[in-house]
Amino acid sequence: NFANGASAWFRQAPGKAREGVACISRPGFTTYDL
């Protein structure tokens, strides 16, 4: 369950490294890497 821990979105463009996009902690706090 997403409610049991932190969840995030990553993305990867062709020929590029994977990068973090956004994350939401278990308590619901959000952060954005880019």
PDB file of all heavy atoms in Angstrom:
ATOM      1  N   ASN A   1       0.829  -1.196   0.000  1.00  0.00           N
ATOM      2  CA  ASN A   1       0.000   0.000   0.000  1.00  0.00           C
ATOM      3  C   ASN A   1       0.867   1.250   0.000  1.00  0.00           C
ATOM      4  O   ASN A   1       1.846   1.335   0.743  1.00  0.00           O
ATOM      5  CB  ASN A   1      -0.914   0.023   1.217  1.00  0.00           C
ATOM      6  CG  ASN A   1      -1.829  -1.181   1.275  1.00  0.00           C
ATOM      7  OD1 ASN A   1      -2.597  -1.437   0.346  1.00  0.00           O
ATOM      8  ND2 ASN A   1      -1.758  -1.928   2.363  1.00  0.00           N
ATOM      9  N   PHE A   2       0.483   2.219  -0.800  1.00  0.00           N
ATOM     10  CA  PHE A   2       1.233   3.466  -0.848  1.00  0.00           C
ATOM     11  C   PHE A   2       1.204   4.190   0.488  1.00  0.00           C
ATOM     12  O   PHE A   2       2.126   4.935   0.812  1.00  0.00           O
ATOM     13  CB  PHE A   2       0.682   4.371  -1.954  1.00  0.00           C
ATOM     14  CG  PHE A   2       0.920   3.846  -3.333  1.00  0.00           C
ATOM     15  CD1 PHE A   2      -0.140   3.452  -4.133  1.00  0.00           C
ATOM     16  CD2 PHE A   2       2.201   3.739  -3.834  1.00  0.00           C
ATOM     17  CE1 PHE A   2       0.074   2.965  -5.413  1.00  0.00           C
ATOM     18  CE2 PHE A   2       2.435   3.247  -5.112  1.00  0.00           C
ATOM     19  CZ  PHE A   2       1.364   2.859  -5.901  1.00  0.00           C
ATOM     20  N   ALA A   3       0.176   3.967   1.265  1.00  0.00           N
ATOM     21  CA  ALA A   3       0.064   4.628   2.562  1.00  0.00           C
ATOM     22  C   ALA A   3       1.060   4.105   3.584  1.00  0.00           C
ATOM     23  O   ALA A   3       1.247   4.727   4.623  1.00  0.00           O
ATOM     24  CB  ALA A   3      -1.352   4.473   3.103  1.00  0.00           C
ATOM     25  N   ASN A   4       1.704   3.000   3.293  1.00  0.00           N
ATOM     26  CA  ASN A   4       2.626   2.391   4.245  1.00  0.00           C
ATOM     27  C   ASN A   4       4.061   2.884   4.128  1.00  0.00           C
ATOM     28  O   ASN A   4       4.919   2.468   4.910  1.00  0.00           O
ATOM     29  CB  ASN A   4       2.610   0.869   4.092  1.00  0.00           C
ATOM     30  CG  ASN A   4       1.328   0.254   4.595  1.00  0.00           C
ATOM     31  OD1 ASN A   4       0.598   0.852   5.378  1.00  0.00           O
ATOM     32  ND2 ASN A   4       1.046  -0.956   4.143  1.00  0.00           N
ATOM     33  N   GLY A   5       4.336   3.738   3.179  1.00  0.00           N
ATOM     34  CA  GLY A   5       5.687   4.234   3.023  1.00  0.00           C
ATOM     35  C   GLY A   5       5.780   5.347   1.999  1.00  0.00           C
ATOM     36  O   GLY A   5       4.778   5.775   1.435  1.00  0.00           O
ATOM     37  N   ALA A   6       6.995   5.800   1.776  1.00  0.00           N
ATOM     38  CA  ALA A   6       7.235   6.851   0.791  1.00  0.00           C
ATOM     39  C   ALA A   6       7.097   6.300  -0.624  1.00  0.00           C
ATOM     40  O   ALA A   6       7.485   5.167  -0.898  1.00  0.00           O
ATOM     41  CB  ALA A   6       8.625   7.446   0.990  1.00  0.00           C
ATOM     42  N   SER A   7       6.567   7.118  -1.504  1.00  0.00           N
ATOM     43  CA  SER A   7       6.401   6.741  -2.901  1.00  0.00           C
ATOM     44  C   SER A   7       6.909   7.863  -3.788  1.00  0.00           C
ATOM     45  O   SER A   7       6.901   9.027  -3.387  1.00  0.00           O
ATOM     46  CB  SER A   7       4.928   6.456  -3.212  1.00  0.00           C
ATOM     47  OG  SER A   7       4.403   5.452  -2.358  1.00  0.00           O
ATOM     48  N   ALA A   8       7.322   7.519  -4.992  1.00  0.00           N
ATOM     49  CA  ALA A   8       7.951   8.520  -5.842  1.00  0.00           C
ATOM     50  C   ALA A   8       7.703   8.248  -7.315  1.00  0.00           C
ATOM     51  O   ALA A   8       7.291   7.157  -7.713  1.00  0.00           O
ATOM     52  CB  ALA A   8       9.458   8.569  -5.573  1.00  0.00           C
ATOM     53  N   TRP A   9       7.987   9.265  -8.099  1.00  0.00           N
ATOM     54  CA  TRP A   9       8.001   9.162  -9.550  1.00  0.00           C
ATOM     55  C   TRP A   9       9.402   9.478 -10.048  1.00  0.00           C
ATOM     56  O   TRP A   9      10.017  10.461  -9.625  1.00  0.00           O
ATOM     57  CB  TRP A   9       7.000  10.124 -10.190  1.00  0.00           C
ATOM     58  CG  TRP A   9       5.571   9.738  -9.995  1.00  0.00           C
ATOM     59  CD1 TRP A   9       4.735  10.149  -9.004  1.00  0.00           C
ATOM     60  CD2 TRP A   9       4.802   8.864 -10.831  1.00  0.00           C
ATOM     61  NE1 TRP A   9       3.494   9.587  -9.165  1.00  0.00           N
ATOM     62  CE2 TRP A   9       3.504   8.792 -10.276  1.00  0.00           C
ATOM     63  CE3 TRP A   9       5.083   8.133 -11.988  1.00  0.00           C
ATOM     64  CZ2 TRP A   9       2.493   8.014 -10.850  1.00  0.00           C
ATOM     65  CZ3 TRP A   9       4.078   7.360 -12.552  1.00  0.00           C
ATOM     66  CH2 TRP A   9       2.804   7.318 -11.981  1.00  0.00           C
ATOM     67  N   PHE A  10       9.885   8.647 -10.949  1.00  0.00           N
ATOM     68  CA  PHE A  10      11.142   8.860 -11.643  1.00  0.00           C
ATOM     69  C   PHE A  10      10.855   8.928 -13.135  1.00  0.00           C
ATOM     70  O   PHE A  10       9.790   8.519 -13.589  1.00  0.00           O
ATOM     71  CB  PHE A  10      12.130   7.720 -11.369  1.00  0.00           C
ATOM     72  CG  PHE A  10      12.623   7.645  -9.954  1.00  0.00           C
ATOM     73  CD1 PHE A  10      11.840   7.108  -8.945  1.00  0.00           C
ATOM     74  CD2 PHE A  10      13.893   8.101  -9.622  1.00  0.00           C
ATOM     75  CE1 PHE A  10      12.290   7.029  -7.640  1.00  0.00           C
ATOM     76  CE2 PHE A  10      14.367   8.027  -8.323  1.00  0.00           C
ATOM     77  CZ  PHE A  10      13.561   7.493  -7.334  1.00  0.00           C
ATOM     78  N   ARG A  11      11.815   9.411 -13.892  1.00  0.00           N
ATOM     79  CA  ARG A  11      11.662   9.405 -15.338  1.00  0.00           C
ATOM     80  C   ARG A  11      13.011   9.198 -16.008  1.00  0.00           C
ATOM     81  O   ARG A  11      14.063   9.486 -15.436  1.00  0.00           O
ATOM     82  CB  ARG A  11      11.014  10.700 -15.841  1.00  0.00           C
ATOM     83  CG  ARG A  11      11.901  11.942 -15.755  1.00  0.00           C
ATOM     84  CD  ARG A  11      11.130  13.172 -16.202  1.00  0.00           C
ATOM     85  NE  ARG A  11      11.952  14.360 -16.234  1.00  0.00           N
ATOM     86  CZ  ARG A  11      11.508  15.584 -16.495  1.00  0.00           C
ATOM     87  NH1 ARG A  11      10.213  15.773 -16.754  1.00  0.00           N
ATOM     88  NH2 ARG A  11      12.340  16.613 -16.499  1.00  0.00           N
ATOM     89  N   GLN A  12      12.967   8.690 -17.227  1.00  0.00           N
ATOM     90  CA  GLN A  12      14.179   8.473 -17.989  1.00  0.00           C
ATOM     91  C   GLN A  12      13.910   8.765 -19.457  1.00  0.00           C
ATOM     92  O   GLN A  12      13.053   8.137 -20.074  1.00  0.00           O
ATOM     93  CB  GLN A  12      14.683   7.043 -17.825  1.00  0.00           C
ATOM     94  CG  GLN A  12      16.030   6.789 -18.482  1.00  0.00           C
ATOM     95  CD  GLN A  12      16.626   5.449 -18.090  1.00  0.00           C
ATOM     96  OE1 GLN A  12      15.917   4.521 -17.711  1.00  0.00           O
ATOM     97  NE2 GLN A  12      17.945   5.348 -18.178  1.00  0.00           N
ATOM     98  N   ALA A  13      14.640   9.718 -19.982  1.00  0.00           N
ATOM     99  CA  ALA A  13      14.545  10.067 -21.387  1.00  0.00           C
ATOM    100  C   ALA A  13      15.517   9.204 -22.182  1.00  0.00           C
ATOM    101  O   ALA A  13      16.507   8.709 -21.640  1.00  0.00           O
ATOM    102  CB  ALA A  13      14.858  11.546 -21.593  1.00  0.00           C
ATOM    103  N   PRO A  14      15.266   9.014 -23.473  1.00  0.00           N
ATOM    104  CA  PRO A  14      16.170   8.205 -24.294  1.00  0.00           C
ATOM    105  C   PRO A  14      17.603   8.714 -24.241  1.00  0.00           C
ATOM    106  O   PRO A  14      17.866   9.894 -24.442  1.00  0.00           O
ATOM    107  CB  PRO A  14      15.586   8.352 -25.700  1.00  0.00           C
ATOM    108  CG  PRO A  14      14.139   8.630 -25.473  1.00  0.00           C
ATOM    109  CD  PRO A  14      14.102   9.490 -24.239  1.00  0.00           C
ATOM    110  N   GLY A  15      18.524   7.809 -23.951  1.00  0.00           N
ATOM    111  CA  GLY A  15      19.923   8.167 -23.892  1.00  0.00           C
ATOM    112  C   GLY A  15      20.339   8.937 -22.665  1.00  0.00           C
ATOM    113  O   GLY A  15      21.493   9.361 -22.567  1.00  0.00           O
ATOM    114  N   LYS A  16      19.423   9.115 -21.731  1.00  0.00           N
ATOM    115  CA  LYS A  16      19.715   9.879 -20.526  1.00  0.00           C
ATOM    116  C   LYS A  16      19.608   8.998 -19.289  1.00  0.00           C
ATOM    117  O   LYS A  16      19.005   7.925 -19.317  1.00  0.00           O
ATOM    118  CB  LYS A  16      18.754  11.061 -20.393  1.00  0.00           C
ATOM    119  CG  LYS A  16      18.733  11.991 -21.592  1.00  0.00           C
ATOM    120  CD  LYS A  16      20.056  12.695 -21.785  1.00  0.00           C
ATOM    121  CE  LYS A  16      19.986  13.670 -22.941  1.00  0.00           C
ATOM    122  NZ  LYS A  16      21.287  14.359 -23.151  1.00  0.00           N
ATOM    123  N   ALA A  17      20.191   9.463 -18.212  1.00  0.00           N
ATOM    124  CA  ALA A  17      20.122   8.741 -16.955  1.00  0.00           C
ATOM    125  C   ALA A  17      18.763   8.936 -16.302  1.00  0.00           C
ATOM    126  O   ALA A  17      18.079   9.938 -16.527  1.00  0.00           O
ATOM    127  CB  ALA A  17      21.227   9.213 -16.018  1.00  0.00           C
ATOM    128  N   ARG A  18      18.395   7.975 -15.490  1.00  0.00           N
ATOM    129  CA  ARG A  18      17.160   8.091 -14.741  1.00  0.00           C
ATOM    130  C   ARG A  18      17.280   9.205 -13.718  1.00  0.00           C
ATOM    131  O   ARG A  18      18.338   9.393 -13.109  1.00  0.00           O
ATOM    132  CB  ARG A  18      16.868   6.767 -14.029  1.00  0.00           C
ATOM    133  CG  ARG A  18      15.551   6.735 -13.268  1.00  0.00           C
ATOM    134  CD  ARG A  18      15.424   5.437 -12.479  1.00  0.00           C
ATOM    135  NE  ARG A  18      16.428   5.357 -11.426  1.00  0.00           N
ATOM    136  CZ  ARG A  18      16.674   4.255 -10.720  1.00  0.00           C
ATOM    137  NH1 ARG A  18      16.010   3.130 -10.980  1.00  0.00           N
ATOM    138  NH2 ARG A  18      17.600   4.267  -9.770  1.00  0.00           N
ATOM    139  N   GLU A  19      16.222   9.950 -13.533  1.00  0.00           N
ATOM    140  CA  GLU A  19      16.234  11.028 -12.565  1.00  0.00           C
ATOM    141  C   GLU A  19      14.961  11.026 -11.739  1.00  0.00           C
ATOM    142  O   GLU A  19      13.884  10.676 -12.220  1.00  0.00           O
ATOM    143  CB  GLU A  19      16.412  12.380 -13.258  1.00  0.00           C
ATOM    144  CG  GLU A  19      15.337  12.714 -14.276  1.00  0.00           C
ATOM    145  CD  GLU A  19      15.615  14.008 -15.017  1.00  0.00           C
ATOM    146  OE1 GLU A  19      16.613  14.684 -14.703  1.00  0.00           O
ATOM    147  OE2 GLU A  19      14.826  14.358 -15.923  1.00  0.00           O
ATOM    148  N   GLY A  20      15.104  11.409 -10.500  1.00  0.00           N
ATOM    149  CA  GLY A  20      13.954  11.519  -9.640  1.00  0.00           C
ATOM    150  C   GLY A  20      13.136  12.738 -10.004  1.00  0.00           C
ATOM    151  O   GLY A  20      13.679  13.771 -10.384  1.00  0.00           O
ATOM    152  N   VAL A  21      11.836  12.626  -9.877  1.00  0.00           N
ATOM    153  CA  VAL A  21      10.936  13.720 -10.203  1.00  0.00           C
ATOM    154  C   VAL A  21      10.257  14.263  -8.957  1.00  0.00           C
ATOM    155  O   VAL A  21      10.358  15.453  -8.639  1.00  0.00           O
ATOM    156  CB  VAL A  21       9.878  13.286 -11.232  1.00  0.00           C
ATOM    157  CG1 VAL A  21       8.913  14.435 -11.519  1.00  0.00           C
ATOM    158  CG2 VAL A  21      10.545  12.809 -12.514  1.00  0.00           C
ATOM    159  N   ALA A  22       9.562  13.394  -8.250  1.00  0.00           N
ATOM    160  CA  ALA A  22       8.795  13.833  -7.095  1.00  0.00           C
ATOM    161  C   ALA A  22       8.631  12.689  -6.116  1.00  0.00           C
ATOM    162  O   ALA A  22       8.716  11.519  -6.490  1.00  0.00           O
ATOM    163  CB  ALA A  22       7.422  14.356  -7.524  1.00  0.00           C
ATOM    164  N   CYS A  23       8.383  13.036  -4.876  1.00  0.00           N
ATOM    165  CA  CYS A  23       8.226  12.024  -3.839  1.00  0.00           C
ATOM    166  C   CYS A  23       7.226  12.498  -2.805  1.00  0.00           C
ATOM    167  O   CYS A  23       7.130  13.695  -2.526  1.00  0.00           O
ATOM    168  CB  CYS A  23       9.575  11.726  -3.178  1.00  0.00           C
ATOM    169  SG  CYS A  23       9.525  10.413  -1.930  1.00  0.00           S
ATOM    170  N   ILE A  24       6.494  11.554  -2.255  1.00  0.00           N
ATOM    171  CA  ILE A  24       5.580  11.839  -1.159  1.00  0.00           C
ATOM    172  C   ILE A  24       5.890  10.879  -0.028  1.00  0.00           C
ATOM    173  O   ILE A  24       5.961   9.664  -0.220  1.00  0.00           O
ATOM    174  CB  ILE A  24       4.102  11.739  -1.612  1.00  0.00           C
ATOM    175  CG1 ILE A  24       3.168  12.094  -0.455  1.00  0.00           C
ATOM    176  CG2 ILE A  24       3.784  10.368  -2.184  1.00  0.00           C
ATOM    177  CD1 ILE A  24       1.719  12.295  -0.899  1.00  0.00           C
ATOM    178  N   SER A  25       6.122  11.421   1.151  1.00  0.00           N
ATOM    179  CA  SER A  25       6.471  10.603   2.302  1.00  0.00           C
ATOM    180  C   SER A  25       5.236   9.927   2.864  1.00  0.00           C
ATOM    181  O   SER A  25       4.102  10.240   2.490  1.00  0.00           O
ATOM    182  CB  SER A  25       7.143  11.459   3.377  1.00  0.00           C
ATOM    183  OG  SER A  25       6.210  12.353   3.959  1.00  0.00           O
ATOM    184  N   ARG A  26       5.459   9.000   3.785  1.00  0.00           N
ATOM    185  CA  ARG A  26       4.326   8.323   4.406  1.00  0.00           C
ATOM    186  C   ARG A  26       3.363   9.308   5.071  1.00  0.00           C
ATOM    187  O   ARG A  26       2.143   9.167   4.924  1.00  0.00           O
ATOM    188  CB  ARG A  26       4.827   7.286   5.409  1.00  0.00           C
ATOM    189  CG  ARG A  26       3.706   6.534   6.107  1.00  0.00           C
ATOM    190  CD  ARG A  26       4.245   5.464   7.030  1.00  0.00           C
ATOM    191  NE  ARG A  26       3.172   4.800   7.757  1.00  0.00           N
ATOM    192  CZ  ARG A  26       3.346   3.798   8.615  1.00  0.00           C
ATOM    193  NH1 ARG A  26       4.572   3.343   8.844  1.00  0.00           N
ATOM    194  NH2 ARG A  26       2.302   3.260   9.219  1.00  0.00           N
ATOM    195  N   PRO A  27       3.875  10.306   5.807  1.00  0.00           N
ATOM    196  CA  PRO A  27       2.960  11.290   6.399  1.00  0.00           C
ATOM    197  C   PRO A  27       2.296  12.215   5.387  1.00  0.00           C
ATOM    198  O   PRO A  27       1.371  12.935   5.747  1.00  0.00           O
ATOM    199  CB  PRO A  27       3.860  12.081   7.358  1.00  0.00           C
ATOM    200  CG  PRO A  27       5.028  11.190   7.617  1.00  0.00           C
ATOM    201  CD  PRO A  27       5.238  10.484   6.329  1.00  0.00           C
ATOM    202  N   GLY A  28       2.782  12.237   4.136  1.00  0.00           N
ATOM    203  CA  GLY A  28       2.164  13.043   3.110  1.00  0.00           C
ATOM    204  C   GLY A  28       2.934  14.270   2.668  1.00  0.00           C
ATOM    205  O   GLY A  28       2.413  15.054   1.868  1.00  0.00           O
ATOM    206  N   PHE A  29       4.142  14.464   3.155  1.00  0.00           N
ATOM    207  CA  PHE A  29       4.954  15.593   2.720  1.00  0.00           C
ATOM    208  C   PHE A  29       5.517  15.317   1.336  1.00  0.00           C
ATOM    209  O   PHE A  29       5.939  14.201   1.035  1.00  0.00           O
ATOM    210  CB  PHE A  29       6.090  15.862   3.705  1.00  0.00           C
ATOM    211  CG  PHE A  29       5.624  16.229   5.078  1.00  0.00           C
ATOM    212  CD1 PHE A  29       5.692  15.317   6.120  1.00  0.00           C
ATOM    213  CD2 PHE A  29       5.117  17.491   5.329  1.00  0.00           C
ATOM    214  CE1 PHE A  29       5.256  15.656   7.391  1.00  0.00           C
ATOM    215  CE2 PHE A  29       4.674  17.844   6.596  1.00  0.00           C
ATOM    216  CZ  PHE A  29       4.745  16.921   7.631  1.00  0.00           C
ATOM    217  N   THR A  30       5.535  16.331   0.504  1.00  0.00           N
ATOM    218  CA  THR A  30       5.979  16.168  -0.872  1.00  0.00           C
ATOM    219  C   THR A  30       7.238  16.962  -1.157  1.00  0.00           C
ATOM    220  O   THR A  30       7.458  18.031  -0.596  1.00  0.00           O
ATOM    221  CB  THR A  30       4.886  16.598  -1.853  1.00  0.00           C
ATOM    222  OG1 THR A  30       4.550  17.971  -1.630  1.00  0.00           O
ATOM    223  CG2 THR A  30       3.642  15.752  -1.665  1.00  0.00           C
ATOM    224  N   THR A  31       8.059  16.416  -2.049  1.00  0.00           N
ATOM    225  CA  THR A  31       9.269  17.087  -2.505  1.00  0.00           C
ATOM    226  C   THR A  31       9.404  16.898  -4.007  1.00  0.00           C
ATOM    227  O   THR A  31       8.904  15.921  -4.565  1.00  0.00           O
ATOM    228  CB  THR A  31      10.537  16.544  -1.820  1.00  0.00           C
ATOM    229  OG1 THR A  31      10.717  15.159  -2.152  1.00  0.00           O
ATOM    230  CG2 THR A  31      10.437  16.689  -0.310  1.00  0.00           C
ATOM    231  N   TYR A  32      10.104  17.837  -4.638  1.00  0.00           N
ATOM    232  CA  TYR A  32      10.324  17.788  -6.073  1.00  0.00           C
ATOM    233  C   TYR A  32      11.805  17.997  -6.345  1.00  0.00           C
ATOM    234  O   TYR A  32      12.383  18.992  -5.912  1.00  0.00           O
ATOM    235  CB  TYR A  32       9.476  18.841  -6.782  1.00  0.00           C
ATOM    236  CG  TYR A  32       8.004  18.633  -6.528  1.00  0.00           C
ATOM    237  CD1 TYR A  32       7.383  19.198  -5.416  1.00  0.00           C
ATOM    238  CD2 TYR A  32       7.249  17.834  -7.377  1.00  0.00           C
ATOM    239  CE1 TYR A  32       6.039  18.969  -5.160  1.00  0.00           C
ATOM    240  CE2 TYR A  32       5.904  17.606  -7.128  1.00  0.00           C
ATOM    241  CZ  TYR A  32       5.305  18.174  -6.016  1.00  0.00           C
ATOM    242  OH  TYR A  32       3.967  17.944  -5.768  1.00  0.00           O
ATOM    243  N   ASP A  33      12.400  17.062  -7.056  1.00  0.00           N
ATOM    244  CA  ASP A  33      13.843  17.096  -7.288  1.00  0.00           C
ATOM    245  C   ASP A  33      14.258  18.153  -8.293  1.00  0.00           C
ATOM    246  O   ASP A  33      15.327  18.751  -8.164  1.00  0.00           O
ATOM    247  CB  ASP A  33      14.330  15.730  -7.781  1.00  0.00           C
ATOM    248  CG  ASP A  33      14.715  14.802  -6.651  1.00  0.00           C
ATOM    249  OD1 ASP A  33      14.312  15.051  -5.502  1.00  0.00           O
ATOM    250  OD2 ASP A  33      15.428  13.808  -6.922  1.00  0.00           O
ATOM    251  N   LEU A  34      13.451  18.367  -9.302  1.00  0.00           N
ATOM    252  CA  LEU A  34      13.840  19.202 -10.425  1.00  0.00           C
ATOM    253  C   LEU A  34      13.173  20.566 -10.379  1.00  0.00           C
ATOM    254  O   LEU A  34      11.954  20.675 -10.259  1.00  0.00           O
ATOM    255  CB  LEU A  34      13.494  18.516 -11.746  1.00  0.00           C
ATOM    256  CG  LEU A  34      14.022  17.099 -11.936  1.00  0.00           C
ATOM    257  CD1 LEU A  34      13.488  16.511 -13.238  1.00  0.00           C
ATOM    258  CD2 LEU A  34      15.546  17.095 -11.944  1.00  0.00           C
TER     259      LEU A  34
END
